Amino acid sequence: MDDLKTETKRPSIEEILEEAKKRLAAEAADYTIRPATREDIKSVIEINMVSLPEHYPDEFFYELYEHYGKAFYVAVDPSGRVVGYIMNRVEWKPGFFRHFIIRSGHVVSIAVLKEHRGKSLGFALMAHGIHSMKNNYKCEETYLEVRVSNQPAINLYRKLGYEVVKVARGYYLDGEDAYVMARPL
């Protein structure tokens, strides 16, 4: 598993946020990343249903919005339509980098509609989400699960300074393994 770890210098959260702004200006100038509103949740659920094989009860989205709304963002296209989202939660758990109980930001779900991919919206959503987890929720690290077959997502998370910290065998309902990827904040 050591060959799956990030060997390069990990970018700071501020560097990531600045890079996200530059990428959006170059690749998606008419799109915006903004905090989600309660009214956005229905669109978020629809995006989840068409973009990802894992689905949650509607109440779960509302619960995360109510408890961790400062780390729940949406991507909006030029027409005002929500086309992507990231939702996170904060957990107290043993850290991956410091083996104490710490405040950890969990990236629960992120998705961008297929026709809007390739515009750095996923990068920008992640940047805003992890920035908020650090600054609004005082998280010391962040982590996520990703299918071992989802190479585009794994590459994105590596660019954001995440590294594989373990393999969760049979994590997904279809039996596929997940990489647990994490980074200190």
N, C-alpha and C. Protein backbone atom coordinates (compact mmCIF):
# COMPACT_ATOMS: atom_id res chain seq x y z
N MET A 1 0.82 -1.19 0.00
CA MET A 1 0.00 0.00 0.00
C MET A 1 0.87 1.25 0.00
N ASP A 2 2.13 1.14 0.37
CA ASP A 2 2.99 2.31 0.39
C ASP A 2 3.09 2.99 -0.97
N ASP A 3 2.98 2.21 -2.06
CA ASP A 3 3.06 2.81 -3.39
C ASP A 3 1.81 3.64 -3.72
N LEU A 4 0.77 3.55 -2.91
CA LEU A 4 -0.45 4.33 -3.14
C LEU A 4 -0.40 5.67 -2.43
N LYS A 5 0.57 5.88 -1.57
CA LYS A 5 0.66 7.12 -0.80
C LYS A 5 1.22 8.25 -1.66
N THR A 6 0.86 9.47 -1.30
CA THR A 6 1.33 10.66 -1.99
C THR A 6 2.75 10.96 -1.53
N GLU A 7 3.67 11.11 -2.46
CA GLU A 7 5.06 11.37 -2.12
C GLU A 7 5.44 12.84 -2.30
N THR A 8 4.64 13.60 -3.01
CA THR A 8 4.97 14.99 -3.27
C THR A 8 4.53 15.87 -2.11
N LYS A 9 4.99 17.12 -2.13
CA LYS A 9 4.60 18.09 -1.10
C LYS A 9 3.09 18.28 -1.16
N ARG A 10 2.47 18.25 0.00
CA ARG A 10 1.03 18.40 0.11
C ARG A 10 0.69 19.89 0.06
N PRO A 11 -0.21 20.31 -0.86
CA PRO A 11 -0.57 21.73 -0.92
C PRO A 11 -1.37 22.15 0.31
N SER A 12 -1.22 23.41 0.71
CA SER A 12 -2.01 23.92 1.83
C SER A 12 -3.46 24.11 1.38
N ILE A 13 -4.35 24.24 2.33
CA ILE A 13 -5.77 24.46 2.00
C ILE A 13 -5.92 25.79 1.29
N GLU A 14 -5.17 26.80 1.69
CA GLU A 14 -5.24 28.11 1.04
C GLU A 14 -4.76 28.03 -0.41
N GLU A 15 -3.69 27.26 -0.65
CA GLU A 15 -3.19 27.08 -2.02
C GLU A 15 -4.23 26.36 -2.88
N ILE A 16 -4.89 25.37 -2.31
CA ILE A 16 -5.92 24.63 -3.04
C ILE A 16 -7.08 25.55 -3.40
N LEU A 17 -7.52 26.38 -2.47
CA LEU A 17 -8.63 27.29 -2.74
C LEU A 17 -8.26 28.29 -3.82
N GLU A 18 -7.05 28.81 -3.79
CA GLU A 18 -6.59 29.74 -4.84
C GLU A 18 -6.53 29.04 -6.20
N GLU A 19 -6.03 27.81 -6.21
CA GLU A 19 -5.96 27.04 -7.45
C GLU A 19 -7.37 26.79 -8.00
N ALA A 20 -8.32 26.52 -7.11
CA ALA A 20 -9.71 26.30 -7.54
C ALA A 20 -10.27 27.55 -8.21
N LYS A 21 -10.00 28.70 -7.64
CA LYS A 21 -10.48 29.96 -8.22
C LYS A 21 -9.87 30.18 -9.61
N LYS A 22 -8.59 29.90 -9.76
CA LYS A 22 -7.93 30.04 -11.06
C LYS A 22 -8.51 29.08 -12.08
N ARG A 23 -8.72 27.83 -11.67
CA ARG A 23 -9.27 26.83 -12.59
C ARG A 23 -10.68 27.21 -13.04
N LEU A 24 -11.50 27.66 -12.09
CA LEU A 24 -12.86 28.06 -12.47
C LEU A 24 -12.84 29.23 -13.43
N ALA A 25 -11.98 30.20 -13.18
CA ALA A 25 -11.89 31.36 -14.07
C ALA A 25 -11.50 30.93 -15.48
N ALA A 26 -10.62 29.94 -15.59
CA ALA A 26 -10.14 29.49 -16.90
C ALA A 26 -11.08 28.49 -17.58
N GLU A 27 -11.73 27.62 -16.79
CA GLU A 27 -12.48 26.51 -17.37
C GLU A 27 -13.99 26.61 -17.23
N ALA A 28 -14.46 27.42 -16.31
CA ALA A 28 -15.91 27.50 -16.05
C ALA A 28 -16.26 28.88 -15.50
N ALA A 29 -15.88 29.89 -16.24
CA ALA A 29 -16.00 31.27 -15.75
C ALA A 29 -17.43 31.66 -15.39
N ASP A 30 -18.42 31.09 -16.05
CA ASP A 30 -19.81 31.46 -15.78
C ASP A 30 -20.48 30.59 -14.72
N TYR A 31 -19.74 29.67 -14.15
CA TYR A 31 -20.26 28.81 -13.09
C TYR A 31 -19.90 29.42 -11.74
N THR A 32 -20.65 29.06 -10.72
CA THR A 32 -20.33 29.51 -9.37
C THR A 32 -20.36 28.33 -8.41
N ILE A 33 -19.54 28.44 -7.38
CA ILE A 33 -19.58 27.52 -6.25
C ILE A 33 -20.08 28.35 -5.09
N ARG A 34 -21.13 27.87 -4.44
CA ARG A 34 -21.70 28.63 -3.32
C ARG A 34 -22.21 27.67 -2.26
N PRO A 35 -22.40 28.21 -1.04
CA PRO A 35 -22.99 27.36 0.00
C PRO A 35 -24.38 26.90 -0.42
N ALA A 36 -24.70 25.67 -0.12
CA ALA A 36 -26.02 25.13 -0.44
C ALA A 36 -27.08 25.81 0.42
N THR A 37 -28.28 25.85 -0.10
CA THR A 37 -29.44 26.29 0.68
C THR A 37 -30.36 25.09 0.84
N ARG A 38 -31.28 25.20 1.76
CA ARG A 38 -32.26 24.11 1.96
C ARG A 38 -33.01 23.83 0.66
N GLU A 39 -33.27 24.87 -0.12
CA GLU A 39 -34.00 24.71 -1.38
C GLU A 39 -33.19 23.93 -2.42
N ASP A 40 -31.88 23.86 -2.26
CA ASP A 40 -31.02 23.12 -3.20
C ASP A 40 -31.05 21.62 -2.97
N ILE A 41 -31.50 21.16 -1.82
CA ILE A 41 -31.36 19.75 -1.46
C ILE A 41 -32.09 18.83 -2.44
N LYS A 42 -33.24 19.23 -2.93
CA LYS A 42 -33.94 18.38 -3.90
C LYS A 42 -33.08 18.16 -5.14
N SER A 43 -32.44 19.21 -5.64
CA SER A 43 -31.54 19.08 -6.80
C SER A 43 -30.33 18.21 -6.46
N VAL A 44 -29.81 18.36 -5.25
CA VAL A 44 -28.67 17.55 -4.82
C VAL A 44 -29.05 16.07 -4.83
N ILE A 45 -30.22 15.76 -4.32
CA ILE A 45 -30.69 14.37 -4.30
C ILE A 45 -30.81 13.83 -5.73
N GLU A 46 -31.35 14.63 -6.63
CA GLU A 46 -31.47 14.21 -8.03
C GLU A 46 -30.11 13.95 -8.66
N ILE A 47 -29.14 14.82 -8.37
CA ILE A 47 -27.78 14.63 -8.91
C ILE A 47 -27.20 13.34 -8.36
N ASN A 48 -27.37 13.10 -7.07
CA ASN A 48 -26.89 11.86 -6.47
C ASN A 48 -27.49 10.65 -7.16
N MET A 49 -28.78 10.70 -7.42
CA MET A 49 -29.48 9.55 -8.02
C MET A 49 -28.96 9.22 -9.42
N VAL A 50 -28.64 10.24 -10.23
CA VAL A 50 -28.22 9.97 -11.61
C VAL A 50 -26.70 9.84 -11.75
N SER A 51 -25.95 10.30 -10.75
CA SER A 51 -24.49 10.32 -10.90
C SER A 51 -23.75 9.23 -10.14
N LEU A 52 -24.35 8.71 -9.08
CA LEU A 52 -23.64 7.76 -8.23
C LEU A 52 -24.48 6.49 -8.00
N PRO A 53 -23.81 5.37 -7.82
CA PRO A 53 -24.56 4.14 -7.52
C PRO A 53 -25.01 4.05 -6.07
N GLU A 54 -24.42 4.86 -5.18
CA GLU A 54 -24.78 4.84 -3.77
C GLU A 54 -25.81 5.93 -3.51
N HIS A 55 -26.89 5.57 -2.85
CA HIS A 55 -27.96 6.53 -2.57
C HIS A 55 -28.28 6.51 -1.08
N TYR A 56 -28.78 7.63 -0.61
CA TYR A 56 -29.13 7.79 0.79
C TYR A 56 -30.59 8.18 0.89
N PRO A 57 -31.22 7.94 2.04
CA PRO A 57 -32.58 8.44 2.23
C PRO A 57 -32.58 9.97 2.15
N ASP A 58 -33.66 10.55 1.66
CA ASP A 58 -33.73 12.01 1.53
C ASP A 58 -33.41 12.71 2.84
N GLU A 59 -33.87 12.16 3.95
CA GLU A 59 -33.67 12.78 5.26
C GLU A 59 -32.19 12.94 5.58
N PHE A 60 -31.36 12.02 5.08
CA PHE A 60 -29.93 12.08 5.35
C PHE A 60 -29.32 13.36 4.79
N PHE A 61 -29.72 13.75 3.58
CA PHE A 61 -29.22 14.98 2.97
C PHE A 61 -29.62 16.20 3.80
N TYR A 62 -30.88 16.22 4.21
CA TYR A 62 -31.36 17.35 5.02
C TYR A 62 -30.66 17.40 6.37
N GLU A 63 -30.43 16.24 6.96
CA GLU A 63 -29.75 16.18 8.25
C GLU A 63 -28.33 16.74 8.14
N LEU A 64 -27.59 16.33 7.11
CA LEU A 64 -26.23 16.84 6.94
C LEU A 64 -26.25 18.34 6.67
N TYR A 65 -27.22 18.80 5.89
CA TYR A 65 -27.33 20.23 5.64
C TYR A 65 -27.60 20.99 6.95
N GLU A 66 -28.51 20.48 7.76
CA GLU A 66 -28.86 21.16 9.02
C GLU A 66 -27.69 21.20 10.00
N HIS A 67 -26.93 20.12 10.09
CA HIS A 67 -25.84 20.05 11.07
C HIS A 67 -24.52 20.60 10.56
N TYR A 68 -24.25 20.47 9.25
CA TYR A 68 -22.94 20.85 8.71
C TYR A 68 -23.09 21.70 7.45
N GLY A 69 -24.08 22.57 7.45
CA GLY A 69 -24.38 23.39 6.28
C GLY A 69 -23.26 24.28 5.81
N LYS A 70 -22.35 24.65 6.70
CA LYS A 70 -21.24 25.51 6.29
C LYS A 70 -20.21 24.76 5.45
N ALA A 71 -20.34 23.44 5.36
CA ALA A 71 -19.43 22.63 4.55
C ALA A 71 -20.20 21.88 3.45
N PHE A 72 -21.37 22.38 3.11
CA PHE A 72 -22.23 21.77 2.08
C PHE A 72 -22.32 22.80 0.95
N TYR A 73 -21.71 22.48 -0.18
CA TYR A 73 -21.63 23.42 -1.30
C TYR A 73 -22.27 22.85 -2.55
N VAL A 74 -22.68 23.76 -3.43
CA VAL A 74 -23.20 23.37 -4.73
C VAL A 74 -22.47 24.13 -5.84
N ALA A 75 -22.42 23.50 -7.01
CA ALA A 75 -21.92 24.14 -8.23
C ALA A 75 -23.16 24.51 -9.05
N VAL A 76 -23.17 25.73 -9.55
CA VAL A 76 -24.33 26.25 -10.28
C VAL A 76 -23.88 26.68 -11.67
N ASP A 77 -24.63 26.24 -12.70
CA ASP A 77 -24.27 26.58 -14.08
C ASP A 77 -24.76 27.99 -14.42
N PRO A 78 -24.42 28.50 -15.61
CA PRO A 78 -24.80 29.87 -15.97
C PRO A 78 -26.31 30.14 -15.96
N SER A 79 -27.13 29.10 -16.11
CA SER A 79 -28.59 29.30 -16.10
C SER A 79 -29.16 29.30 -14.68
N GLY A 80 -28.31 29.03 -13.67
CA GLY A 80 -28.77 28.99 -12.29
C GLY A 80 -29.11 27.61 -11.79
N ARG A 81 -28.88 26.59 -12.60
CA ARG A 81 -29.19 25.20 -12.24
C ARG A 81 -28.07 24.59 -11.41
N VAL A 82 -28.42 23.91 -10.34
CA VAL A 82 -27.44 23.18 -9.54
C VAL A 82 -26.99 21.96 -10.34
N VAL A 83 -25.66 21.85 -10.56
CA VAL A 83 -25.12 20.76 -11.38
C VAL A 83 -24.10 19.90 -10.64
N GLY A 84 -23.83 20.24 -9.39
CA GLY A 84 -22.90 19.45 -8.60
C GLY A 84 -23.02 19.82 -7.13
N TYR A 85 -22.46 18.98 -6.29
CA TYR A 85 -22.53 19.24 -4.84
C TYR A 85 -21.41 18.51 -4.12
N ILE A 86 -21.14 18.96 -2.90
CA ILE A 86 -20.32 18.22 -1.95
C ILE A 86 -21.00 18.34 -0.60
N MET A 87 -21.12 17.22 0.09
CA MET A 87 -21.66 17.26 1.45
C MET A 87 -20.70 16.54 2.38
N ASN A 88 -20.50 17.15 3.53
CA ASN A 88 -19.52 16.69 4.50
C ASN A 88 -20.15 16.62 5.87
N ARG A 89 -19.50 15.92 6.75
CA ARG A 89 -19.91 15.93 8.15
C ARG A 89 -18.65 15.92 9.01
N VAL A 90 -18.83 16.25 10.26
CA VAL A 90 -17.72 16.30 11.21
C VAL A 90 -17.90 15.16 12.20
N GLU A 91 -16.81 14.45 12.46
CA GLU A 91 -16.83 13.30 13.36
C GLU A 91 -15.67 13.41 14.33
N TRP A 92 -15.87 12.91 15.52
CA TRP A 92 -14.78 12.73 16.47
C TRP A 92 -14.34 11.28 16.36
N LYS A 93 -13.06 11.05 16.02
CA LYS A 93 -12.58 9.69 15.79
C LYS A 93 -11.07 9.65 15.91
N PRO A 94 -10.50 8.45 16.03
CA PRO A 94 -9.03 8.37 16.00
C PRO A 94 -8.52 8.87 14.64
N GLY A 95 -7.50 9.69 14.68
CA GLY A 95 -6.96 10.25 13.45
C GLY A 95 -6.12 9.25 12.68
N PHE A 96 -5.95 9.53 11.40
CA PHE A 96 -5.08 8.70 10.56
C PHE A 96 -3.63 9.14 10.68
N PHE A 97 -3.40 10.41 11.05
CA PHE A 97 -2.04 10.94 11.11
C PHE A 97 -1.59 11.17 12.54
N ARG A 98 -2.52 11.48 13.41
CA ARG A 98 -2.28 11.59 14.85
C ARG A 98 -3.23 10.61 15.51
N HIS A 99 -2.71 9.69 16.25
CA HIS A 99 -3.53 8.60 16.78
C HIS A 99 -4.18 8.98 18.11
N PHE A 100 -4.86 10.11 18.07
CA PHE A 100 -5.66 10.59 19.18
C PHE A 100 -7.07 10.77 18.65
N ILE A 101 -8.03 10.96 19.52
CA ILE A 101 -9.37 11.31 19.09
C ILE A 101 -9.32 12.76 18.63
N ILE A 102 -9.69 12.98 17.38
CA ILE A 102 -9.63 14.32 16.80
C ILE A 102 -10.94 14.63 16.08
N ARG A 103 -11.10 15.89 15.74
CA ARG A 103 -12.23 16.33 14.92
C ARG A 103 -11.81 16.09 13.46
N SER A 104 -12.57 15.25 12.78
CA SER A 104 -12.24 14.86 11.42
C SER A 104 -13.38 15.21 10.47
N GLY A 105 -13.05 15.79 9.34
CA GLY A 105 -14.05 16.12 8.32
C GLY A 105 -14.19 14.97 7.34
N HIS A 106 -15.40 14.44 7.24
CA HIS A 106 -15.68 13.30 6.37
C HIS A 106 -16.38 13.81 5.10
N VAL A 107 -15.76 13.62 3.96
CA VAL A 107 -16.41 13.92 2.69
C VAL A 107 -17.36 12.75 2.43
N VAL A 108 -18.64 12.99 2.66
CA VAL A 108 -19.63 11.92 2.56
C VAL A 108 -19.98 11.65 1.10
N SER A 109 -20.16 12.71 0.32
CA SER A 109 -20.57 12.53 -1.08
C SER A 109 -20.22 13.77 -1.88
N ILE A 110 -19.76 13.54 -3.10
CA ILE A 110 -19.50 14.61 -4.05
C ILE A 110 -19.88 14.08 -5.43
N ALA A 111 -20.54 14.92 -6.21
CA ALA A 111 -20.92 14.51 -7.57
C ALA A 111 -21.13 15.75 -8.43
N VAL A 112 -20.83 15.59 -9.71
CA VAL A 112 -21.09 16.60 -10.73
C VAL A 112 -21.78 15.89 -11.88
N LEU A 113 -22.85 16.50 -12.39
CA LEU A 113 -23.55 15.90 -13.53
C LEU A 113 -22.57 15.67 -14.68
N LYS A 114 -22.73 14.54 -15.36
CA LYS A 114 -21.80 14.11 -16.39
C LYS A 114 -21.51 15.19 -17.43
N GLU A 115 -22.55 15.88 -17.89
CA GLU A 115 -22.35 16.89 -18.94
C GLU A 115 -21.63 18.15 -18.47
N HIS A 116 -21.35 18.24 -17.17
CA HIS A 116 -20.65 19.40 -16.63
C HIS A 116 -19.27 19.03 -16.08
N ARG A 117 -18.84 17.80 -16.29
CA ARG A 117 -17.52 17.37 -15.82
C ARG A 117 -16.44 17.91 -16.74
N GLY A 118 -15.22 17.91 -16.26
CA GLY A 118 -14.09 18.40 -17.05
C GLY A 118 -13.93 19.91 -16.99
N LYS A 119 -14.60 20.55 -16.06
CA LYS A 119 -14.53 22.00 -15.90
C LYS A 119 -13.94 22.38 -14.54
N SER A 120 -13.34 21.44 -13.85
CA SER A 120 -12.76 21.64 -12.52
C SER A 120 -13.79 21.94 -11.44
N LEU A 121 -15.05 21.60 -11.69
CA LEU A 121 -16.07 21.82 -10.67
C LEU A 121 -15.85 20.91 -9.46
N GLY A 122 -15.46 19.67 -9.69
CA GLY A 122 -15.17 18.76 -8.59
C GLY A 122 -14.02 19.27 -7.74
N PHE A 123 -12.97 19.76 -8.38
CA PHE A 123 -11.83 20.33 -7.66
C PHE A 123 -12.29 21.50 -6.81
N ALA A 124 -13.09 22.39 -7.41
CA ALA A 124 -13.56 23.58 -6.69
C ALA A 124 -14.49 23.22 -5.54
N LEU A 125 -15.38 22.26 -5.75
CA LEU A 125 -16.26 21.82 -4.66
C LEU A 125 -15.43 21.25 -3.50
N MET A 126 -14.47 20.41 -3.82
CA MET A 126 -13.60 19.85 -2.78
C MET A 126 -12.85 20.95 -2.06
N ALA A 127 -12.32 21.91 -2.80
CA ALA A 127 -11.55 23.01 -2.19
C ALA A 127 -12.40 23.78 -1.19
N HIS A 128 -13.61 24.12 -1.59
CA HIS A 128 -14.49 24.86 -0.68
C HIS A 128 -14.89 24.01 0.53
N GLY A 129 -15.17 22.74 0.28
CA GLY A 129 -15.57 21.86 1.38
C GLY A 129 -14.48 21.67 2.42
N ILE A 130 -13.25 21.39 1.97
CA ILE A 130 -12.18 21.16 2.94
C ILE A 130 -11.76 22.47 3.61
N HIS A 131 -11.84 23.58 2.89
CA HIS A 131 -11.55 24.88 3.50
C HIS A 131 -12.53 25.15 4.64
N SER A 132 -13.80 24.86 4.41
CA SER A 132 -14.81 25.07 5.45
C SER A 132 -14.63 24.10 6.62
N MET A 133 -14.30 22.85 6.32
CA MET A 133 -14.10 21.90 7.41
C MET A 133 -12.97 22.35 8.33
N LYS A 134 -11.93 22.93 7.73
CA LYS A 134 -10.81 23.42 8.53
C LYS A 134 -11.18 24.70 9.28
N ASN A 135 -11.73 25.66 8.58
CA ASN A 135 -11.92 26.99 9.17
C ASN A 135 -13.22 27.16 9.95
N ASN A 136 -14.30 26.55 9.51
CA ASN A 136 -15.57 26.70 10.22
C ASN A 136 -15.79 25.64 11.29
N TYR A 137 -15.26 24.44 11.04
CA TYR A 137 -15.50 23.33 11.97
C TYR A 137 -14.25 22.89 12.72
N LYS A 138 -13.12 23.53 12.42
CA LYS A 138 -11.86 23.28 13.14
C LYS A 138 -11.41 21.82 13.07
N CYS A 139 -11.64 21.19 11.93
CA CYS A 139 -11.19 19.81 11.74
C CYS A 139 -9.67 19.79 11.60
N GLU A 140 -9.07 18.73 12.09
CA GLU A 140 -7.62 18.56 12.00
C GLU A 140 -7.21 17.73 10.79
N GLU A 141 -8.14 16.96 10.26
CA GLU A 141 -7.87 16.18 9.05
C GLU A 141 -9.19 15.95 8.35
N THR A 142 -9.10 15.42 7.14
CA THR A 142 -10.29 15.08 6.37
C THR A 142 -10.04 13.73 5.71
N TYR A 143 -11.13 13.01 5.50
CA TYR A 143 -10.99 11.71 4.83
C TYR A 143 -12.24 11.43 4.00
N LEU A 144 -12.12 10.43 3.15
CA LEU A 144 -13.21 10.02 2.26
C LEU A 144 -12.99 8.59 1.83
N GLU A 145 -14.03 8.00 1.27
CA GLU A 145 -13.93 6.67 0.68
C GLU A 145 -14.15 6.83 -0.82
N VAL A 146 -13.42 6.06 -1.61
CA VAL A 146 -13.56 6.11 -3.06
C VAL A 146 -13.38 4.70 -3.61
N ARG A 147 -14.19 4.37 -4.61
CA ARG A 147 -14.06 3.06 -5.24
C ARG A 147 -12.65 2.89 -5.80
N VAL A 148 -12.07 1.70 -5.62
CA VAL A 148 -10.72 1.46 -6.12
C VAL A 148 -10.66 1.55 -7.64
N SER A 149 -11.80 1.42 -8.31
CA SER A 149 -11.84 1.51 -9.77
C SER A 149 -12.04 2.93 -10.28
N ASN A 150 -12.28 3.89 -9.40
CA ASN A 150 -12.60 5.26 -9.82
C ASN A 150 -11.32 6.09 -9.93
N GLN A 151 -10.54 5.80 -10.96
CA GLN A 151 -9.23 6.45 -11.12
C GLN A 151 -9.33 7.96 -11.29
N PRO A 152 -10.31 8.50 -12.03
CA PRO A 152 -10.40 9.97 -12.11
C PRO A 152 -10.57 10.63 -10.74
N ALA A 153 -11.40 10.06 -9.89
CA ALA A 153 -11.60 10.63 -8.55
C ALA A 153 -10.33 10.47 -7.71
N ILE A 154 -9.70 9.31 -7.78
CA ILE A 154 -8.47 9.09 -7.02
C ILE A 154 -7.42 10.11 -7.42
N ASN A 155 -7.28 10.37 -8.72
CA ASN A 155 -6.32 11.37 -9.20
C ASN A 155 -6.66 12.76 -8.66
N LEU A 156 -7.94 13.11 -8.66
CA LEU A 156 -8.36 14.40 -8.11
C LEU A 156 -7.97 14.51 -6.64
N TYR A 157 -8.28 13.49 -5.87
CA TYR A 157 -8.00 13.54 -4.43
C TYR A 157 -6.50 13.62 -4.16
N ARG A 158 -5.69 12.96 -4.98
CA ARG A 158 -4.23 13.06 -4.82
C ARG A 158 -3.76 14.49 -5.09
N LYS A 159 -4.33 15.14 -6.10
CA LYS A 159 -3.96 16.54 -6.37
C LYS A 159 -4.29 17.44 -5.19
N LEU A 160 -5.28 17.05 -4.42
CA LEU A 160 -5.71 17.82 -3.26
C LEU A 160 -4.93 17.44 -1.99
N GLY A 161 -3.95 16.55 -2.14
CA GLY A 161 -3.10 16.18 -1.01
C GLY A 161 -3.56 14.98 -0.21
N TYR A 162 -4.57 14.28 -0.69
CA TYR A 162 -5.02 13.07 0.00
C TYR A 162 -4.08 11.92 -0.34
N GLU A 163 -3.99 10.97 0.58
CA GLU A 163 -3.25 9.75 0.33
C GLU A 163 -4.08 8.56 0.81
N VAL A 164 -3.82 7.42 0.22
CA VAL A 164 -4.50 6.19 0.64
C VAL A 164 -3.95 5.79 2.01
N VAL A 165 -4.85 5.64 2.98
CA VAL A 165 -4.44 5.24 4.32
C VAL A 165 -4.86 3.82 4.66
N LYS A 166 -5.84 3.29 3.93
CA LYS A 166 -6.21 1.89 4.10
C LYS A 166 -7.16 1.48 2.98
N VAL A 167 -7.37 0.18 2.88
CA VAL A 167 -8.33 -0.38 1.93
C VAL A 167 -9.48 -0.96 2.75
N ALA A 168 -10.69 -0.54 2.41
CA ALA A 168 -11.89 -1.08 3.07
C ALA A 168 -12.45 -2.17 2.15
N ARG A 169 -12.23 -3.42 2.52
CA ARG A 169 -12.65 -4.56 1.69
C ARG A 169 -14.17 -4.67 1.65
N GLY A 170 -14.73 -4.82 0.43
CA GLY A 170 -16.16 -5.02 0.26
C GLY A 170 -17.01 -3.85 0.77
N TYR A 171 -16.47 -2.66 0.74
CA TYR A 171 -17.14 -1.48 1.31
C TYR A 171 -18.47 -1.16 0.63
N TYR A 172 -18.52 -1.27 -0.68
CA TYR A 172 -19.72 -0.90 -1.42
C TYR A 172 -20.69 -2.08 -1.52
N LEU A 173 -21.97 -1.75 -1.71
CA LEU A 173 -23.01 -2.79 -1.74
C LEU A 173 -22.76 -3.85 -2.80
N ASP A 174 -22.11 -3.46 -3.92
CA ASP A 174 -21.83 -4.44 -4.97
C ASP A 174 -20.57 -5.25 -4.68
N GLY A 175 -19.94 -5.02 -3.52
CA GLY A 175 -18.77 -5.80 -3.11
C GLY A 175 -17.43 -5.16 -3.46
N GLU A 176 -17.45 -4.05 -4.20
CA GLU A 176 -16.17 -3.43 -4.57
C GLU A 176 -15.50 -2.84 -3.33
N ASP A 177 -14.17 -2.91 -3.33
CA ASP A 177 -13.38 -2.32 -2.26
C ASP A 177 -13.35 -0.81 -2.41
N ALA A 178 -13.03 -0.14 -1.32
CA ALA A 178 -12.83 1.31 -1.32
C ALA A 178 -11.46 1.62 -0.78
N TYR A 179 -10.84 2.65 -1.33
CA TYR A 179 -9.69 3.24 -0.68
C TYR A 179 -10.22 4.25 0.32
N VAL A 180 -9.66 4.25 1.50
CA VAL A 180 -9.90 5.34 2.43
C VAL A 180 -8.72 6.27 2.23
N MET A 181 -9.02 7.50 1.82
CA MET A 181 -7.98 8.49 1.56
C MET A 181 -8.14 9.62 2.57
N ALA A 182 -7.03 10.15 3.05
CA ALA A 182 -7.08 11.19 4.07
C ALA A 182 -5.94 12.19 3.85
N ARG A 183 -6.10 13.34 4.50
CA ARG A 183 -5.04 14.34 4.53
C ARG A 183 -5.21 15.19 5.78
N PRO A 184 -4.09 15.62 6.34
CA PRO A 184 -4.19 16.55 7.46
C PRO A 184 -4.63 17.91 6.96
N LEU A 185 -5.29 18.66 7.82
CA LEU A 185 -5.69 20.01 7.48
C LEU A 185 -4.80 21.00 8.23
